[in-house]
Protein backbone atom coordinates (compact mmCIF):
# COMPACT_ATOMS: atom_id res chain seq x y z
CA MET A 1 21.30 -29.85 -21.58
CA ALA A 2 23.67 -29.00 -18.72
CA GLU A 3 25.80 -26.84 -21.02
CA THR A 4 22.67 -25.04 -22.28
CA ARG A 5 21.51 -24.38 -18.71
CA LYS A 6 24.90 -22.95 -17.78
CA ALA A 7 24.92 -20.77 -20.90
CA ASN A 8 21.50 -19.40 -19.95
CA GLN A 9 22.75 -18.59 -16.45
CA VAL A 10 25.71 -16.67 -17.86
CA ARG A 11 23.45 -14.71 -20.20
CA ASN A 12 21.03 -13.88 -17.37
CA ALA A 13 23.89 -12.76 -15.17
CA THR A 14 25.12 -10.31 -17.77
CA GLN A 15 21.61 -8.83 -18.03
CA ALA A 16 21.09 -8.58 -14.27
CA VAL A 17 18.69 -5.74 -13.53
CA GLY A 18 20.49 -2.84 -15.12
CA THR A 19 23.82 -3.66 -13.47
CA ALA A 20 27.39 -3.70 -14.72
CA LEU A 21 30.13 -6.14 -13.90
CA VAL A 22 33.13 -4.27 -12.56
CA ALA A 23 36.44 -5.39 -11.19
CA SER A 24 36.63 -6.08 -7.48
CA SER A 25 39.40 -7.13 -5.16
CA GLU A 26 36.88 -8.61 -2.71
CA SER A 27 36.74 -12.35 -2.19
CA ARG A 28 33.79 -14.37 -3.35
CA ALA A 29 30.61 -13.67 -1.40
CA PRO A 30 29.45 -16.48 0.90
CA PRO A 31 26.40 -18.43 -0.24
CA SER A 32 23.06 -16.95 0.70
CA SER A 33 20.94 -18.86 3.18
CA ASP A 34 17.74 -17.97 1.31
CA ASN A 35 16.21 -20.47 -1.10
CA HIS A 36 14.91 -18.37 -3.99
CA ASP A 37 12.90 -19.30 -7.04
CA THR A 38 15.36 -19.05 -9.92
CA ARG A 39 12.64 -18.66 -12.51
CA SER A 40 11.14 -15.68 -10.68
CA ALA A 41 14.55 -14.04 -10.44
CA SER A 42 15.20 -14.69 -14.12
CA GLY A 43 12.00 -12.88 -15.03
CA ARG A 44 13.09 -9.76 -13.19
CA TYR A 45 16.63 -9.95 -14.57
CA GLU A 46 15.38 -10.18 -18.14
CA ALA A 47 13.14 -7.16 -17.52
CA ARG A 48 16.24 -5.01 -18.05
CA SER A 49 17.91 -4.31 -21.41
CA ASP A 50 21.60 -4.22 -22.29
CA SER A 51 21.47 -0.42 -22.59
CA ASN A 52 21.31 -0.18 -18.81
CA ARG A 53 24.77 -1.66 -18.35
CA ASP A 54 28.01 0.24 -18.30
CA GLN A 55 31.60 -0.84 -17.71
CA ASN A 56 33.03 1.24 -14.87
CA PRO A 57 35.79 0.58 -12.35
CA ARG A 58 34.66 0.47 -8.72
CA GLY A 59 35.79 3.48 -6.72
CA GLY A 60 36.89 3.26 -3.11
CA GLY A 61 34.64 4.11 -0.20
CA ARG A 62 31.41 3.53 -2.07
CA SER A 63 28.45 1.53 -0.98
CA ARG A 64 28.66 -2.21 -1.52
CA GLY A 65 26.50 -5.05 -0.25
CA ARG A 66 25.79 -8.72 -0.48
CA GLY A 67 22.94 -10.06 -2.58
CA ARG A 68 19.96 -10.87 -0.37
CA GLY A 69 16.21 -11.07 -0.51
CA ARG A 70 14.43 -11.57 -3.79
CA GLY A 71 16.97 -11.69 -6.57
CA GLY A 72 19.75 -10.02 -4.58
CA LEU A 73 19.70 -6.67 -2.80
CA ALA A 74 22.26 -4.01 -2.05
CA GLY A 75 23.63 -4.43 1.46
CA ARG A 76 24.77 -2.04 4.17
CA GLY A 77 26.82 0.87 2.93
CA ARG A 78 30.50 1.25 3.77
CA GLY A 79 32.24 4.55 3.97
CA ASN A 80 31.28 7.67 5.86
CA SER A 81 28.67 7.78 8.61
CA SER A 82 25.91 9.08 6.35
CA GLN A 83 26.30 6.05 4.10
CA GLN A 84 26.37 3.63 7.01
CA SER A 85 23.16 5.03 8.49
CA THR A 86 21.10 4.26 5.39
CA GLY A 87 20.84 0.51 5.75
CA GLN A 88 20.73 -1.15 2.36
CA VAL A 89 20.82 1.75 -0.05
CA GLY A 90 24.02 3.54 0.97
CA SER A 91 22.87 7.10 0.28
CA ASN A 92 23.17 10.31 2.25
CA ARG A 93 19.79 10.14 4.03
CA GLN A 94 19.53 11.31 7.62
CA ILE A 95 17.68 9.57 10.41
CA GLY A 96 14.61 11.56 11.40
CA VAL A 97 14.62 13.55 8.14
CA ASP A 98 14.07 11.18 5.23
CA CYS A 99 14.57 7.69 6.61
CA GLY A 100 13.33 5.62 9.50
CA ASP A 101 9.91 4.99 7.95
CA THR A 102 9.00 2.92 4.91
CA PHE A 103 7.79 4.99 1.95
CA SER A 104 4.60 3.55 0.52
CA PRO A 105 2.91 5.31 -2.43
CA VAL A 106 -0.72 4.52 -1.65
CA VAL A 107 -3.86 6.48 -2.35
CA LYS A 108 -6.28 7.49 0.41
CA GLN A 109 -9.50 5.52 0.68
CA ALA A 110 -11.63 8.67 0.62
CA THR A 111 -9.92 9.74 -2.61
CA ILE A 112 -10.83 6.45 -4.28
CA ARG A 113 -14.49 6.80 -3.32
CA THR A 114 -14.55 10.43 -4.46
CA VAL A 115 -13.16 9.63 -7.91
CA LEU A 116 -15.55 6.71 -8.29
CA SER A 117 -18.47 8.99 -7.38
CA LEU A 118 -17.41 11.56 -9.98
CA ALA A 119 -17.02 8.90 -12.66
CA LEU A 120 -20.47 7.49 -11.90
CA SER A 121 -22.03 10.93 -12.01
CA GLN A 122 -20.53 11.58 -15.46
CA SER A 123 -21.15 8.01 -16.72
CA TRP A 124 -17.44 7.59 -17.44
CA LYS A 125 -15.81 4.22 -17.93
CA ILE A 126 -13.28 3.13 -15.32
CA HIS A 127 -10.28 1.00 -16.27
CA GLN A 128 -7.74 -0.79 -14.13
CA LEU A 129 -4.07 -1.16 -15.03
CA ASP A 130 -1.20 -3.09 -13.48
CA VAL A 131 2.49 -2.25 -13.77
CA THR A 132 4.73 -5.27 -14.29
CA ASN A 133 7.78 -5.28 -12.01
CA ALA A 134 7.01 -1.72 -10.94
CA PHE A 135 9.95 -1.23 -8.57
CA LEU A 136 12.43 -2.19 -11.30
CA HIS A 137 11.51 1.00 -13.18
CA GLY A 138 12.92 3.33 -10.52
CA ASN A 139 16.14 5.23 -11.19
CA LEU A 140 18.85 5.22 -8.54
CA HIS A 141 20.72 8.46 -7.91
CA GLU A 142 23.19 6.85 -5.49
CA THR A 143 26.23 4.73 -6.25
CA VAL A 144 25.36 1.23 -5.05
CA TYR A 145 27.26 -2.00 -5.65
CA MET A 146 26.06 -5.53 -4.97
CA TYR A 147 27.57 -8.98 -5.08
CA GLN A 148 26.40 -11.27 -7.84
CA PRO A 149 23.41 -13.27 -6.55
CA MET A 150 23.61 -17.02 -6.13
CA GLY A 151 22.71 -18.93 -9.27
CA PHE A 152 23.53 -16.01 -11.58
CA ARG A 153 27.28 -15.61 -11.15
CA HIS A 154 29.47 -15.11 -14.17
CA GLN A 155 31.65 -18.15 -14.72
CA GLN A 156 34.66 -16.14 -15.86
CA PHE A 157 34.28 -13.32 -13.29
CA PRO A 158 32.78 -14.89 -10.15
CA ASP A 159 34.37 -12.30 -7.81
CA HIS A 160 33.17 -9.21 -9.68
CA VAL A 161 30.45 -7.02 -8.26
CA CYS A 162 27.54 -5.26 -9.93
CA LEU A 163 26.94 -1.53 -10.20
CA LEU A 164 23.22 -0.87 -9.85
CA LYS A 165 21.69 1.61 -12.27
CA LYS A 166 18.06 0.69 -11.54
CA SER A 167 16.31 -0.11 -8.27
CA LEU A 168 15.64 -3.63 -7.06
CA TYR A 169 12.82 -5.20 -5.09
CA GLY A 170 13.76 -4.99 -1.42
CA LEU A 171 15.82 -1.83 -1.59
CA LYS A 172 14.59 0.68 0.95
CA ARG A 173 14.69 3.38 -1.72
CA ALA A 174 12.88 1.27 -4.36
CA PRO A 175 9.28 2.43 -3.61
CA ARG A 176 10.31 6.09 -3.56
CA ALA A 177 12.38 5.72 -6.74
CA TRP A 178 9.49 4.06 -8.58
CA TYR A 179 6.96 6.62 -7.41
CA GLN A 180 9.20 9.52 -8.43
CA ARG A 181 9.80 7.99 -11.85
CA PHE A 182 6.07 7.50 -12.39
CA THR A 183 5.21 10.99 -11.11
CA ASP A 184 7.75 12.67 -13.38
CA PHE A 185 6.39 10.86 -16.43
CA VAL A 186 2.66 11.46 -15.92
CA ILE A 187 3.34 15.14 -15.22
CA SER A 188 5.30 15.33 -18.47
CA ILE A 189 2.27 14.11 -20.46
CA GLY A 190 -0.09 16.71 -19.00
CA PHE A 191 -1.27 15.47 -15.60
CA ARG A 192 -1.22 17.61 -12.46
CA GLN A 193 -0.53 16.12 -9.06
CA SER A 194 -3.14 16.73 -6.38
CA ARG A 195 -1.98 18.62 -3.32
CA CYS A 196 -4.40 16.81 -1.02
CA ASP A 197 -3.41 13.32 -2.13
CA HIS A 198 -0.14 12.85 -3.95
CA SER A 199 -1.33 9.55 -5.43
CA LEU A 200 -4.07 11.34 -7.41
CA PHE A 201 -3.26 12.88 -10.80
CA VAL A 202 -5.68 15.05 -12.77
CA TYR A 203 -5.62 15.63 -16.53
CA HIS A 204 -7.68 18.64 -17.68
CA HIS A 205 -7.18 20.14 -21.13
CA GLY A 206 -10.19 21.79 -22.69
CA THR A 207 -13.08 19.35 -22.54
CA ASP A 208 -10.78 16.36 -21.93
CA VAL A 209 -10.69 15.26 -18.27
CA ALA A 210 -9.05 12.23 -16.69
CA TYR A 211 -8.34 11.04 -13.16
CA LEU A 212 -5.53 8.62 -12.38
CA LEU A 213 -5.05 6.89 -9.02
CA ILE A 214 -2.00 4.81 -8.15
CA TYR A 215 -1.71 2.30 -5.31
CA VAL A 216 1.90 1.01 -5.46
CA ASP A 217 1.63 -0.76 -8.84
CA ASP A 218 -2.16 -0.80 -9.30
CA ILE A 219 -3.67 2.05 -11.32
CA ILE A 220 -7.26 3.22 -11.71
CA LEU A 221 -7.90 5.39 -14.78
CA THR A 222 -11.16 7.10 -15.67
CA THR A 223 -11.52 9.49 -18.60
CA SER A 224 -14.19 11.62 -20.20
CA THR A 225 -13.80 9.95 -23.64
CA ASP A 226 -12.70 6.58 -24.96
CA TYR A 227 -10.17 8.25 -27.26
CA LEU A 228 -8.47 9.98 -24.32
CA ARG A 229 -8.35 6.71 -22.38
CA ASP A 230 -6.75 4.84 -25.29
CA HIS A 231 -4.26 7.68 -25.81
CA LEU A 232 -3.19 7.79 -22.16
CA MET A 233 -2.96 4.00 -21.90
CA ARG A 234 -0.80 3.94 -25.01
CA ARG A 235 1.53 6.58 -23.58
CA LEU A 236 1.80 4.71 -20.29
CA GLY A 237 2.39 1.42 -22.12
CA ASP A 238 5.22 2.94 -24.15
CA GLU A 239 7.02 4.03 -20.97
CA PHE A 240 6.28 1.13 -18.60
CA ALA A 241 5.42 -2.54 -18.90
CA MET A 242 1.66 -2.31 -18.34
CA LYS A 243 -1.19 -4.80 -18.20
CA ASP A 244 -4.70 -3.67 -19.08
CA LEU A 245 -6.96 -5.48 -16.61
CA GLY A 246 -10.07 -4.17 -18.31
CA PRO A 247 -13.08 -2.50 -16.67
CA PHE A 248 -12.87 -1.81 -12.95
CA SER A 249 -14.08 -4.98 -11.21
CA HIS A 250 -11.60 -5.99 -8.49
CA PHE A 251 -9.23 -3.72 -6.64
CA LEU A 252 -7.13 -4.48 -3.54
CA GLY A 253 -9.38 -7.34 -2.46
CA VAL A 254 -12.59 -5.35 -3.07
CA GLN A 255 -15.15 -6.79 -5.48
CA VAL A 256 -16.82 -4.14 -7.63
CA THR A 257 -20.23 -4.63 -9.24
CA ARG A 258 -21.33 -1.80 -11.53
CA THR A 259 -24.64 -1.09 -13.18
CA THR A 260 -25.42 1.93 -15.35
CA ASN A 261 -25.17 4.58 -12.65
CA CYS A 262 -24.49 2.61 -9.49
CA MET A 263 -21.54 0.72 -8.03
CA PHE A 264 -21.47 -1.76 -5.16
CA LEU A 265 -18.20 -2.35 -3.29
CA SER A 266 -17.99 -5.59 -1.33
CA GLN A 267 -15.38 -7.59 0.58
CA GLN A 268 -17.47 -10.73 0.97
CA GLN A 269 -14.67 -13.17 0.21
CA TYR A 270 -12.34 -11.36 2.59
CA THR A 271 -15.04 -11.46 5.28
CA ASN A 272 -15.44 -15.21 4.88
CA ASP A 273 -11.67 -15.63 5.14
CA ILE A 274 -11.63 -13.75 8.46
CA ILE A 275 -14.43 -15.93 9.84
CA GLU A 276 -12.56 -19.04 8.78
CA ARG A 277 -9.27 -17.82 10.29
CA ALA A 278 -11.06 -17.26 13.59
CA GLY A 279 -12.47 -20.79 13.49
CA MET A 280 -16.04 -19.48 13.74
CA THR A 281 -17.61 -20.76 10.53
CA SER A 282 -20.40 -22.47 12.52
CA CYS A 283 -21.05 -19.63 15.01
CA ASN A 284 -24.46 -18.08 15.58
CA PRO A 285 -24.81 -14.58 14.05
CA VAL A 286 -25.86 -11.56 16.11
CA ALA A 287 -27.73 -8.43 15.07
CA THR A 288 -25.21 -5.79 16.25
CA PRO A 289 -21.39 -5.60 16.34
CA VAL A 290 -21.34 -4.30 19.97
CA ASP A 291 -23.36 -4.98 23.09
CA CYS A 292 -24.75 -2.69 25.77
CA ASN A 293 -22.21 -3.60 28.44
CA PRO A 294 -19.79 -1.00 29.87
CA LYS A 295 -16.86 -0.03 27.68
CA LEU A 296 -13.76 -2.17 27.49
CA SER A 297 -11.05 -1.71 30.08
CA ALA A 298 -7.39 -2.70 30.20
CA THR A 299 -7.78 -4.30 33.65
CA SER A 300 -11.30 -5.70 33.64
CA SER A 301 -10.41 -9.35 32.95
CA PRO A 302 -7.47 -11.79 32.79
CA GLU A 303 -5.00 -11.61 29.93
CA PHE A 304 -5.90 -13.44 26.73
CA ASP A 305 -3.68 -16.50 26.20
CA ASN A 306 -3.18 -15.99 22.42
CA PRO A 307 -2.28 -12.35 21.75
CA THR A 308 -0.87 -13.18 18.30
CA GLN A 309 -4.24 -14.41 17.09
CA TYR A 310 -5.92 -11.36 18.59
CA ARG A 311 -3.60 -8.95 16.79
CA SER A 312 -3.92 -10.83 13.52
CA LEU A 313 -7.72 -10.76 13.51
CA ALA A 314 -7.93 -7.16 14.75
CA GLY A 315 -5.62 -6.04 11.94
CA ALA A 316 -7.70 -7.95 9.40
CA LEU A 317 -10.87 -6.27 10.65
CA GLN A 318 -9.22 -2.86 10.20
CA TYR A 319 -8.90 -3.43 6.46
CA LEU A 320 -12.50 -4.65 6.31
CA THR A 321 -13.70 -1.18 7.33
CA PHE A 322 -12.84 -0.04 3.76
CA THR A 323 -16.37 -1.02 2.76
CA ARG A 324 -17.98 -1.59 6.17
CA PRO A 325 -18.54 1.66 8.07
CA ASP A 326 -21.01 -0.17 10.31
CA ILE A 327 -18.17 -1.89 12.18
CA SER A 328 -15.82 1.11 12.33
CA TYR A 329 -16.49 1.97 15.99
CA ALA A 330 -16.41 -1.64 17.18
CA VAL A 331 -13.12 -2.33 15.40
CA GLN A 332 -11.60 0.86 16.79
CA GLN A 333 -12.44 -0.31 20.31
CA VAL A 334 -10.79 -3.72 20.01
CA CYS A 335 -7.75 -2.31 18.19
CA MET A 336 -6.89 -0.08 21.15
CA TYR A 337 -5.84 -3.20 23.08
CA MET A 338 -3.67 -4.96 20.53
CA HIS A 339 -0.61 -4.43 22.72
CA SER A 340 -2.21 -6.12 25.75
CA SER A 341 -5.36 -8.04 24.97
CA ARG A 342 -7.72 -9.33 27.65
CA VAL A 343 -10.49 -11.90 27.67
CA ASP A 344 -13.14 -9.17 27.52
CA GLN A 345 -11.54 -7.67 24.42
CA TRP A 346 -11.36 -11.11 22.82
CA ASN A 347 -15.08 -11.63 23.48
CA ALA A 348 -15.79 -8.23 21.92
CA LEU A 349 -13.75 -9.20 18.85
CA LYS A 350 -15.64 -12.48 18.54
CA ARG A 351 -18.92 -10.58 18.68
CA ILE A 352 -17.82 -8.52 15.67
CA ILE A 353 -17.08 -11.73 13.78
CA ARG A 354 -20.48 -13.15 14.78
CA TYR A 355 -22.06 -9.98 13.39
CA LEU A 356 -20.09 -10.41 10.16
CA LYS A 357 -21.28 -14.01 9.93
CA GLY A 358 -24.81 -12.78 9.31
CA THR A 359 -23.87 -9.80 7.13
CA THR A 360 -21.21 -11.15 4.75
CA SER A 361 -23.05 -9.69 1.76
CA PHE A 362 -23.04 -6.15 3.15
CA GLY A 363 -20.96 -3.50 1.44
CA LEU A 364 -20.89 0.11 0.28
CA THR A 365 -23.07 1.48 -2.49
CA LEU A 366 -22.04 4.49 -4.56
CA GLY A 367 -24.39 6.12 -7.02
CA SER A 368 -24.68 9.00 -9.43
CA VAL A 369 -24.46 12.33 -7.60
CA GLY A 370 -26.61 15.28 -8.64
CA ASP A 371 -25.71 17.51 -5.72
CA PHE A 372 -21.95 17.85 -5.30
CA SER A 373 -22.12 19.56 -1.92
CA LEU A 374 -20.22 18.07 1.02
CA ARG A 375 -22.05 17.31 4.26
CA ALA A 376 -20.42 16.08 7.45
CA TYR A 377 -21.79 14.70 10.71
CA THR A 378 -19.86 14.26 13.95
CA ASP A 379 -20.46 13.17 17.52
CA ALA A 380 -18.36 12.55 20.63
CA ASP A 381 -18.73 11.14 24.12
CA TRP A 382 -17.12 12.57 27.24
CA VAL A 383 -14.53 10.76 29.43
CA GLY A 384 -15.77 7.54 27.89
CA CYS A 385 -12.57 5.54 28.31
CA PRO A 386 -12.58 3.95 31.80
CA ASP A 387 -8.76 3.81 31.91
CA THR A 388 -7.63 7.22 30.57
CA ARG A 389 -10.90 9.24 30.80
CA ARG A 390 -10.38 10.36 27.23
CA SER A 391 -13.24 10.94 24.81
CA THR A 392 -13.99 9.10 21.58
CA SER A 393 -15.29 10.99 18.56
CA GLY A 394 -16.51 9.89 15.17
CA TYR A 395 -17.56 11.50 11.92
CA CYS A 396 -18.84 10.71 8.44
CA VAL A 397 -18.62 12.80 5.28
CA TYR A 398 -21.07 12.64 2.36
CA LEU A 399 -20.79 13.85 -1.22
CA GLY A 400 -24.43 14.16 -2.13
CA SER A 401 -25.85 10.80 -1.10
CA ASN A 402 -22.52 8.93 -1.31
CA LEU A 403 -20.62 8.17 1.87
CA LEU A 404 -16.98 9.12 1.24
CA SER A 405 -15.17 9.09 4.57
CA TRP A 406 -15.73 7.99 8.14
CA SER A 407 -13.68 7.60 11.29
CA SER A 408 -13.88 6.63 14.95
CA LYS A 409 -10.95 7.69 17.10
CA ARG A 410 -10.05 8.26 20.73
CA LYS A 411 -8.77 11.72 21.61
CA ALA A 412 -5.12 12.25 22.49
CA VAL A 413 -5.94 14.43 25.54
CA VAL A 414 -8.61 14.55 28.23
CA SER A 415 -11.45 17.00 27.54
CA ARG A 416 -12.45 19.12 30.53
CA SER A 417 -16.10 19.32 29.47
CA SER A 418 -18.53 17.72 27.06
CA ALA A 419 -18.49 20.95 25.03
CA GLU A 420 -14.73 20.71 24.60
CA ALA A 421 -15.06 17.08 23.49
CA GLU A 422 -17.66 18.07 20.90
CA TYR A 423 -15.57 20.95 19.57
CA ARG A 424 -12.55 18.67 19.21
CA GLY A 425 -14.72 16.31 17.19
CA VAL A 426 -15.83 19.20 14.97
CA ALA A 427 -12.21 20.22 14.48
CA ASN A 428 -11.36 16.72 13.27
CA VAL A 429 -14.10 16.59 10.67
CA VAL A 430 -13.34 20.13 9.44
CA ALA A 431 -9.73 19.04 8.92
CA GLU A 432 -11.00 16.08 6.89
CA LEU A 433 -13.14 18.36 4.73
CA SER A 434 -10.31 20.77 4.03
């Protein structure tokens, strides 16, 4: 059994994520301090075929790194300054131009609600797909070497390094590489990329229409006909390892209940989790998320003794506003003090949770739209913030009777009059509409 296990490790090492074993004069890499799940790593290694390997000698001055993270990642580049400034990937990116922030291919919330409204209005079926090991599909255009990860080293060549030909989970360039690979393919089969939201792709040929939304590795697909849906899913399945999750019912923690021409979006389970995390499962519910007291101030009360808990719950409430526009303003108020929370802000946050306790079943309803006109409403206060004297404005946008987008945000500058505050609010909602 021991010999069989060792033979499997050697075979897995030779198939490691589209890499090639090449000669290296470097000494053996020190053991990693991370304790990884070997079976999980094996699954990702076996996701690559032998055609992705190539025997090449390692050139001098190229990027090389130690295996870290999940299954081994490329380390800090060595060579010129442009390679050294890229962290793990070792490419020619420049700080302030195309690095410094994490690239995340996610679709806008308003786009999701718009596509769902269109599908309901046309009585189209909505399917959900999942890409297996999405980041492993990305193509690398840089020369990146990595040490053989622990547990998958070749017995005959333990000091050799691997030349990456595909991206790995944990590489800073992996999300961008995957998104570019996916974008290039769907455009090649007839989709057009939206200019307003780059995670939305539209297929329109004759009477055939399809909308595709991608959120990292989760895909929503709605088509005008069943034949078109099967055709597109077959094309996607031929190119990527896809899972058909069936009709749209659960997406990013949102439960979806659909009738003939209506859809209800709810985060009830997520709401209960927030209440439990706050330790308020037995609290008394209240009728409103905010009270009538003066607005929160940064100096109105002593500092809260557990700022980590405050930030954790405030961040969780932010995601809950995906289906709960009724708490948008209250959450915006408590999130302004995440850097320095006070007792008053903590009491305001607890009031939101008490409100959620009595409204866990609330959500957002989308229905069939007969009138496709956009309507927007906006309002703003004046010098409402007691600390900065800035104004807070909010808006909501409707497509027919469906609520698509909403926001509550404090202005970046002080308005000199109530009229200026109102006009700045109008400018914000006009930018959202366009």
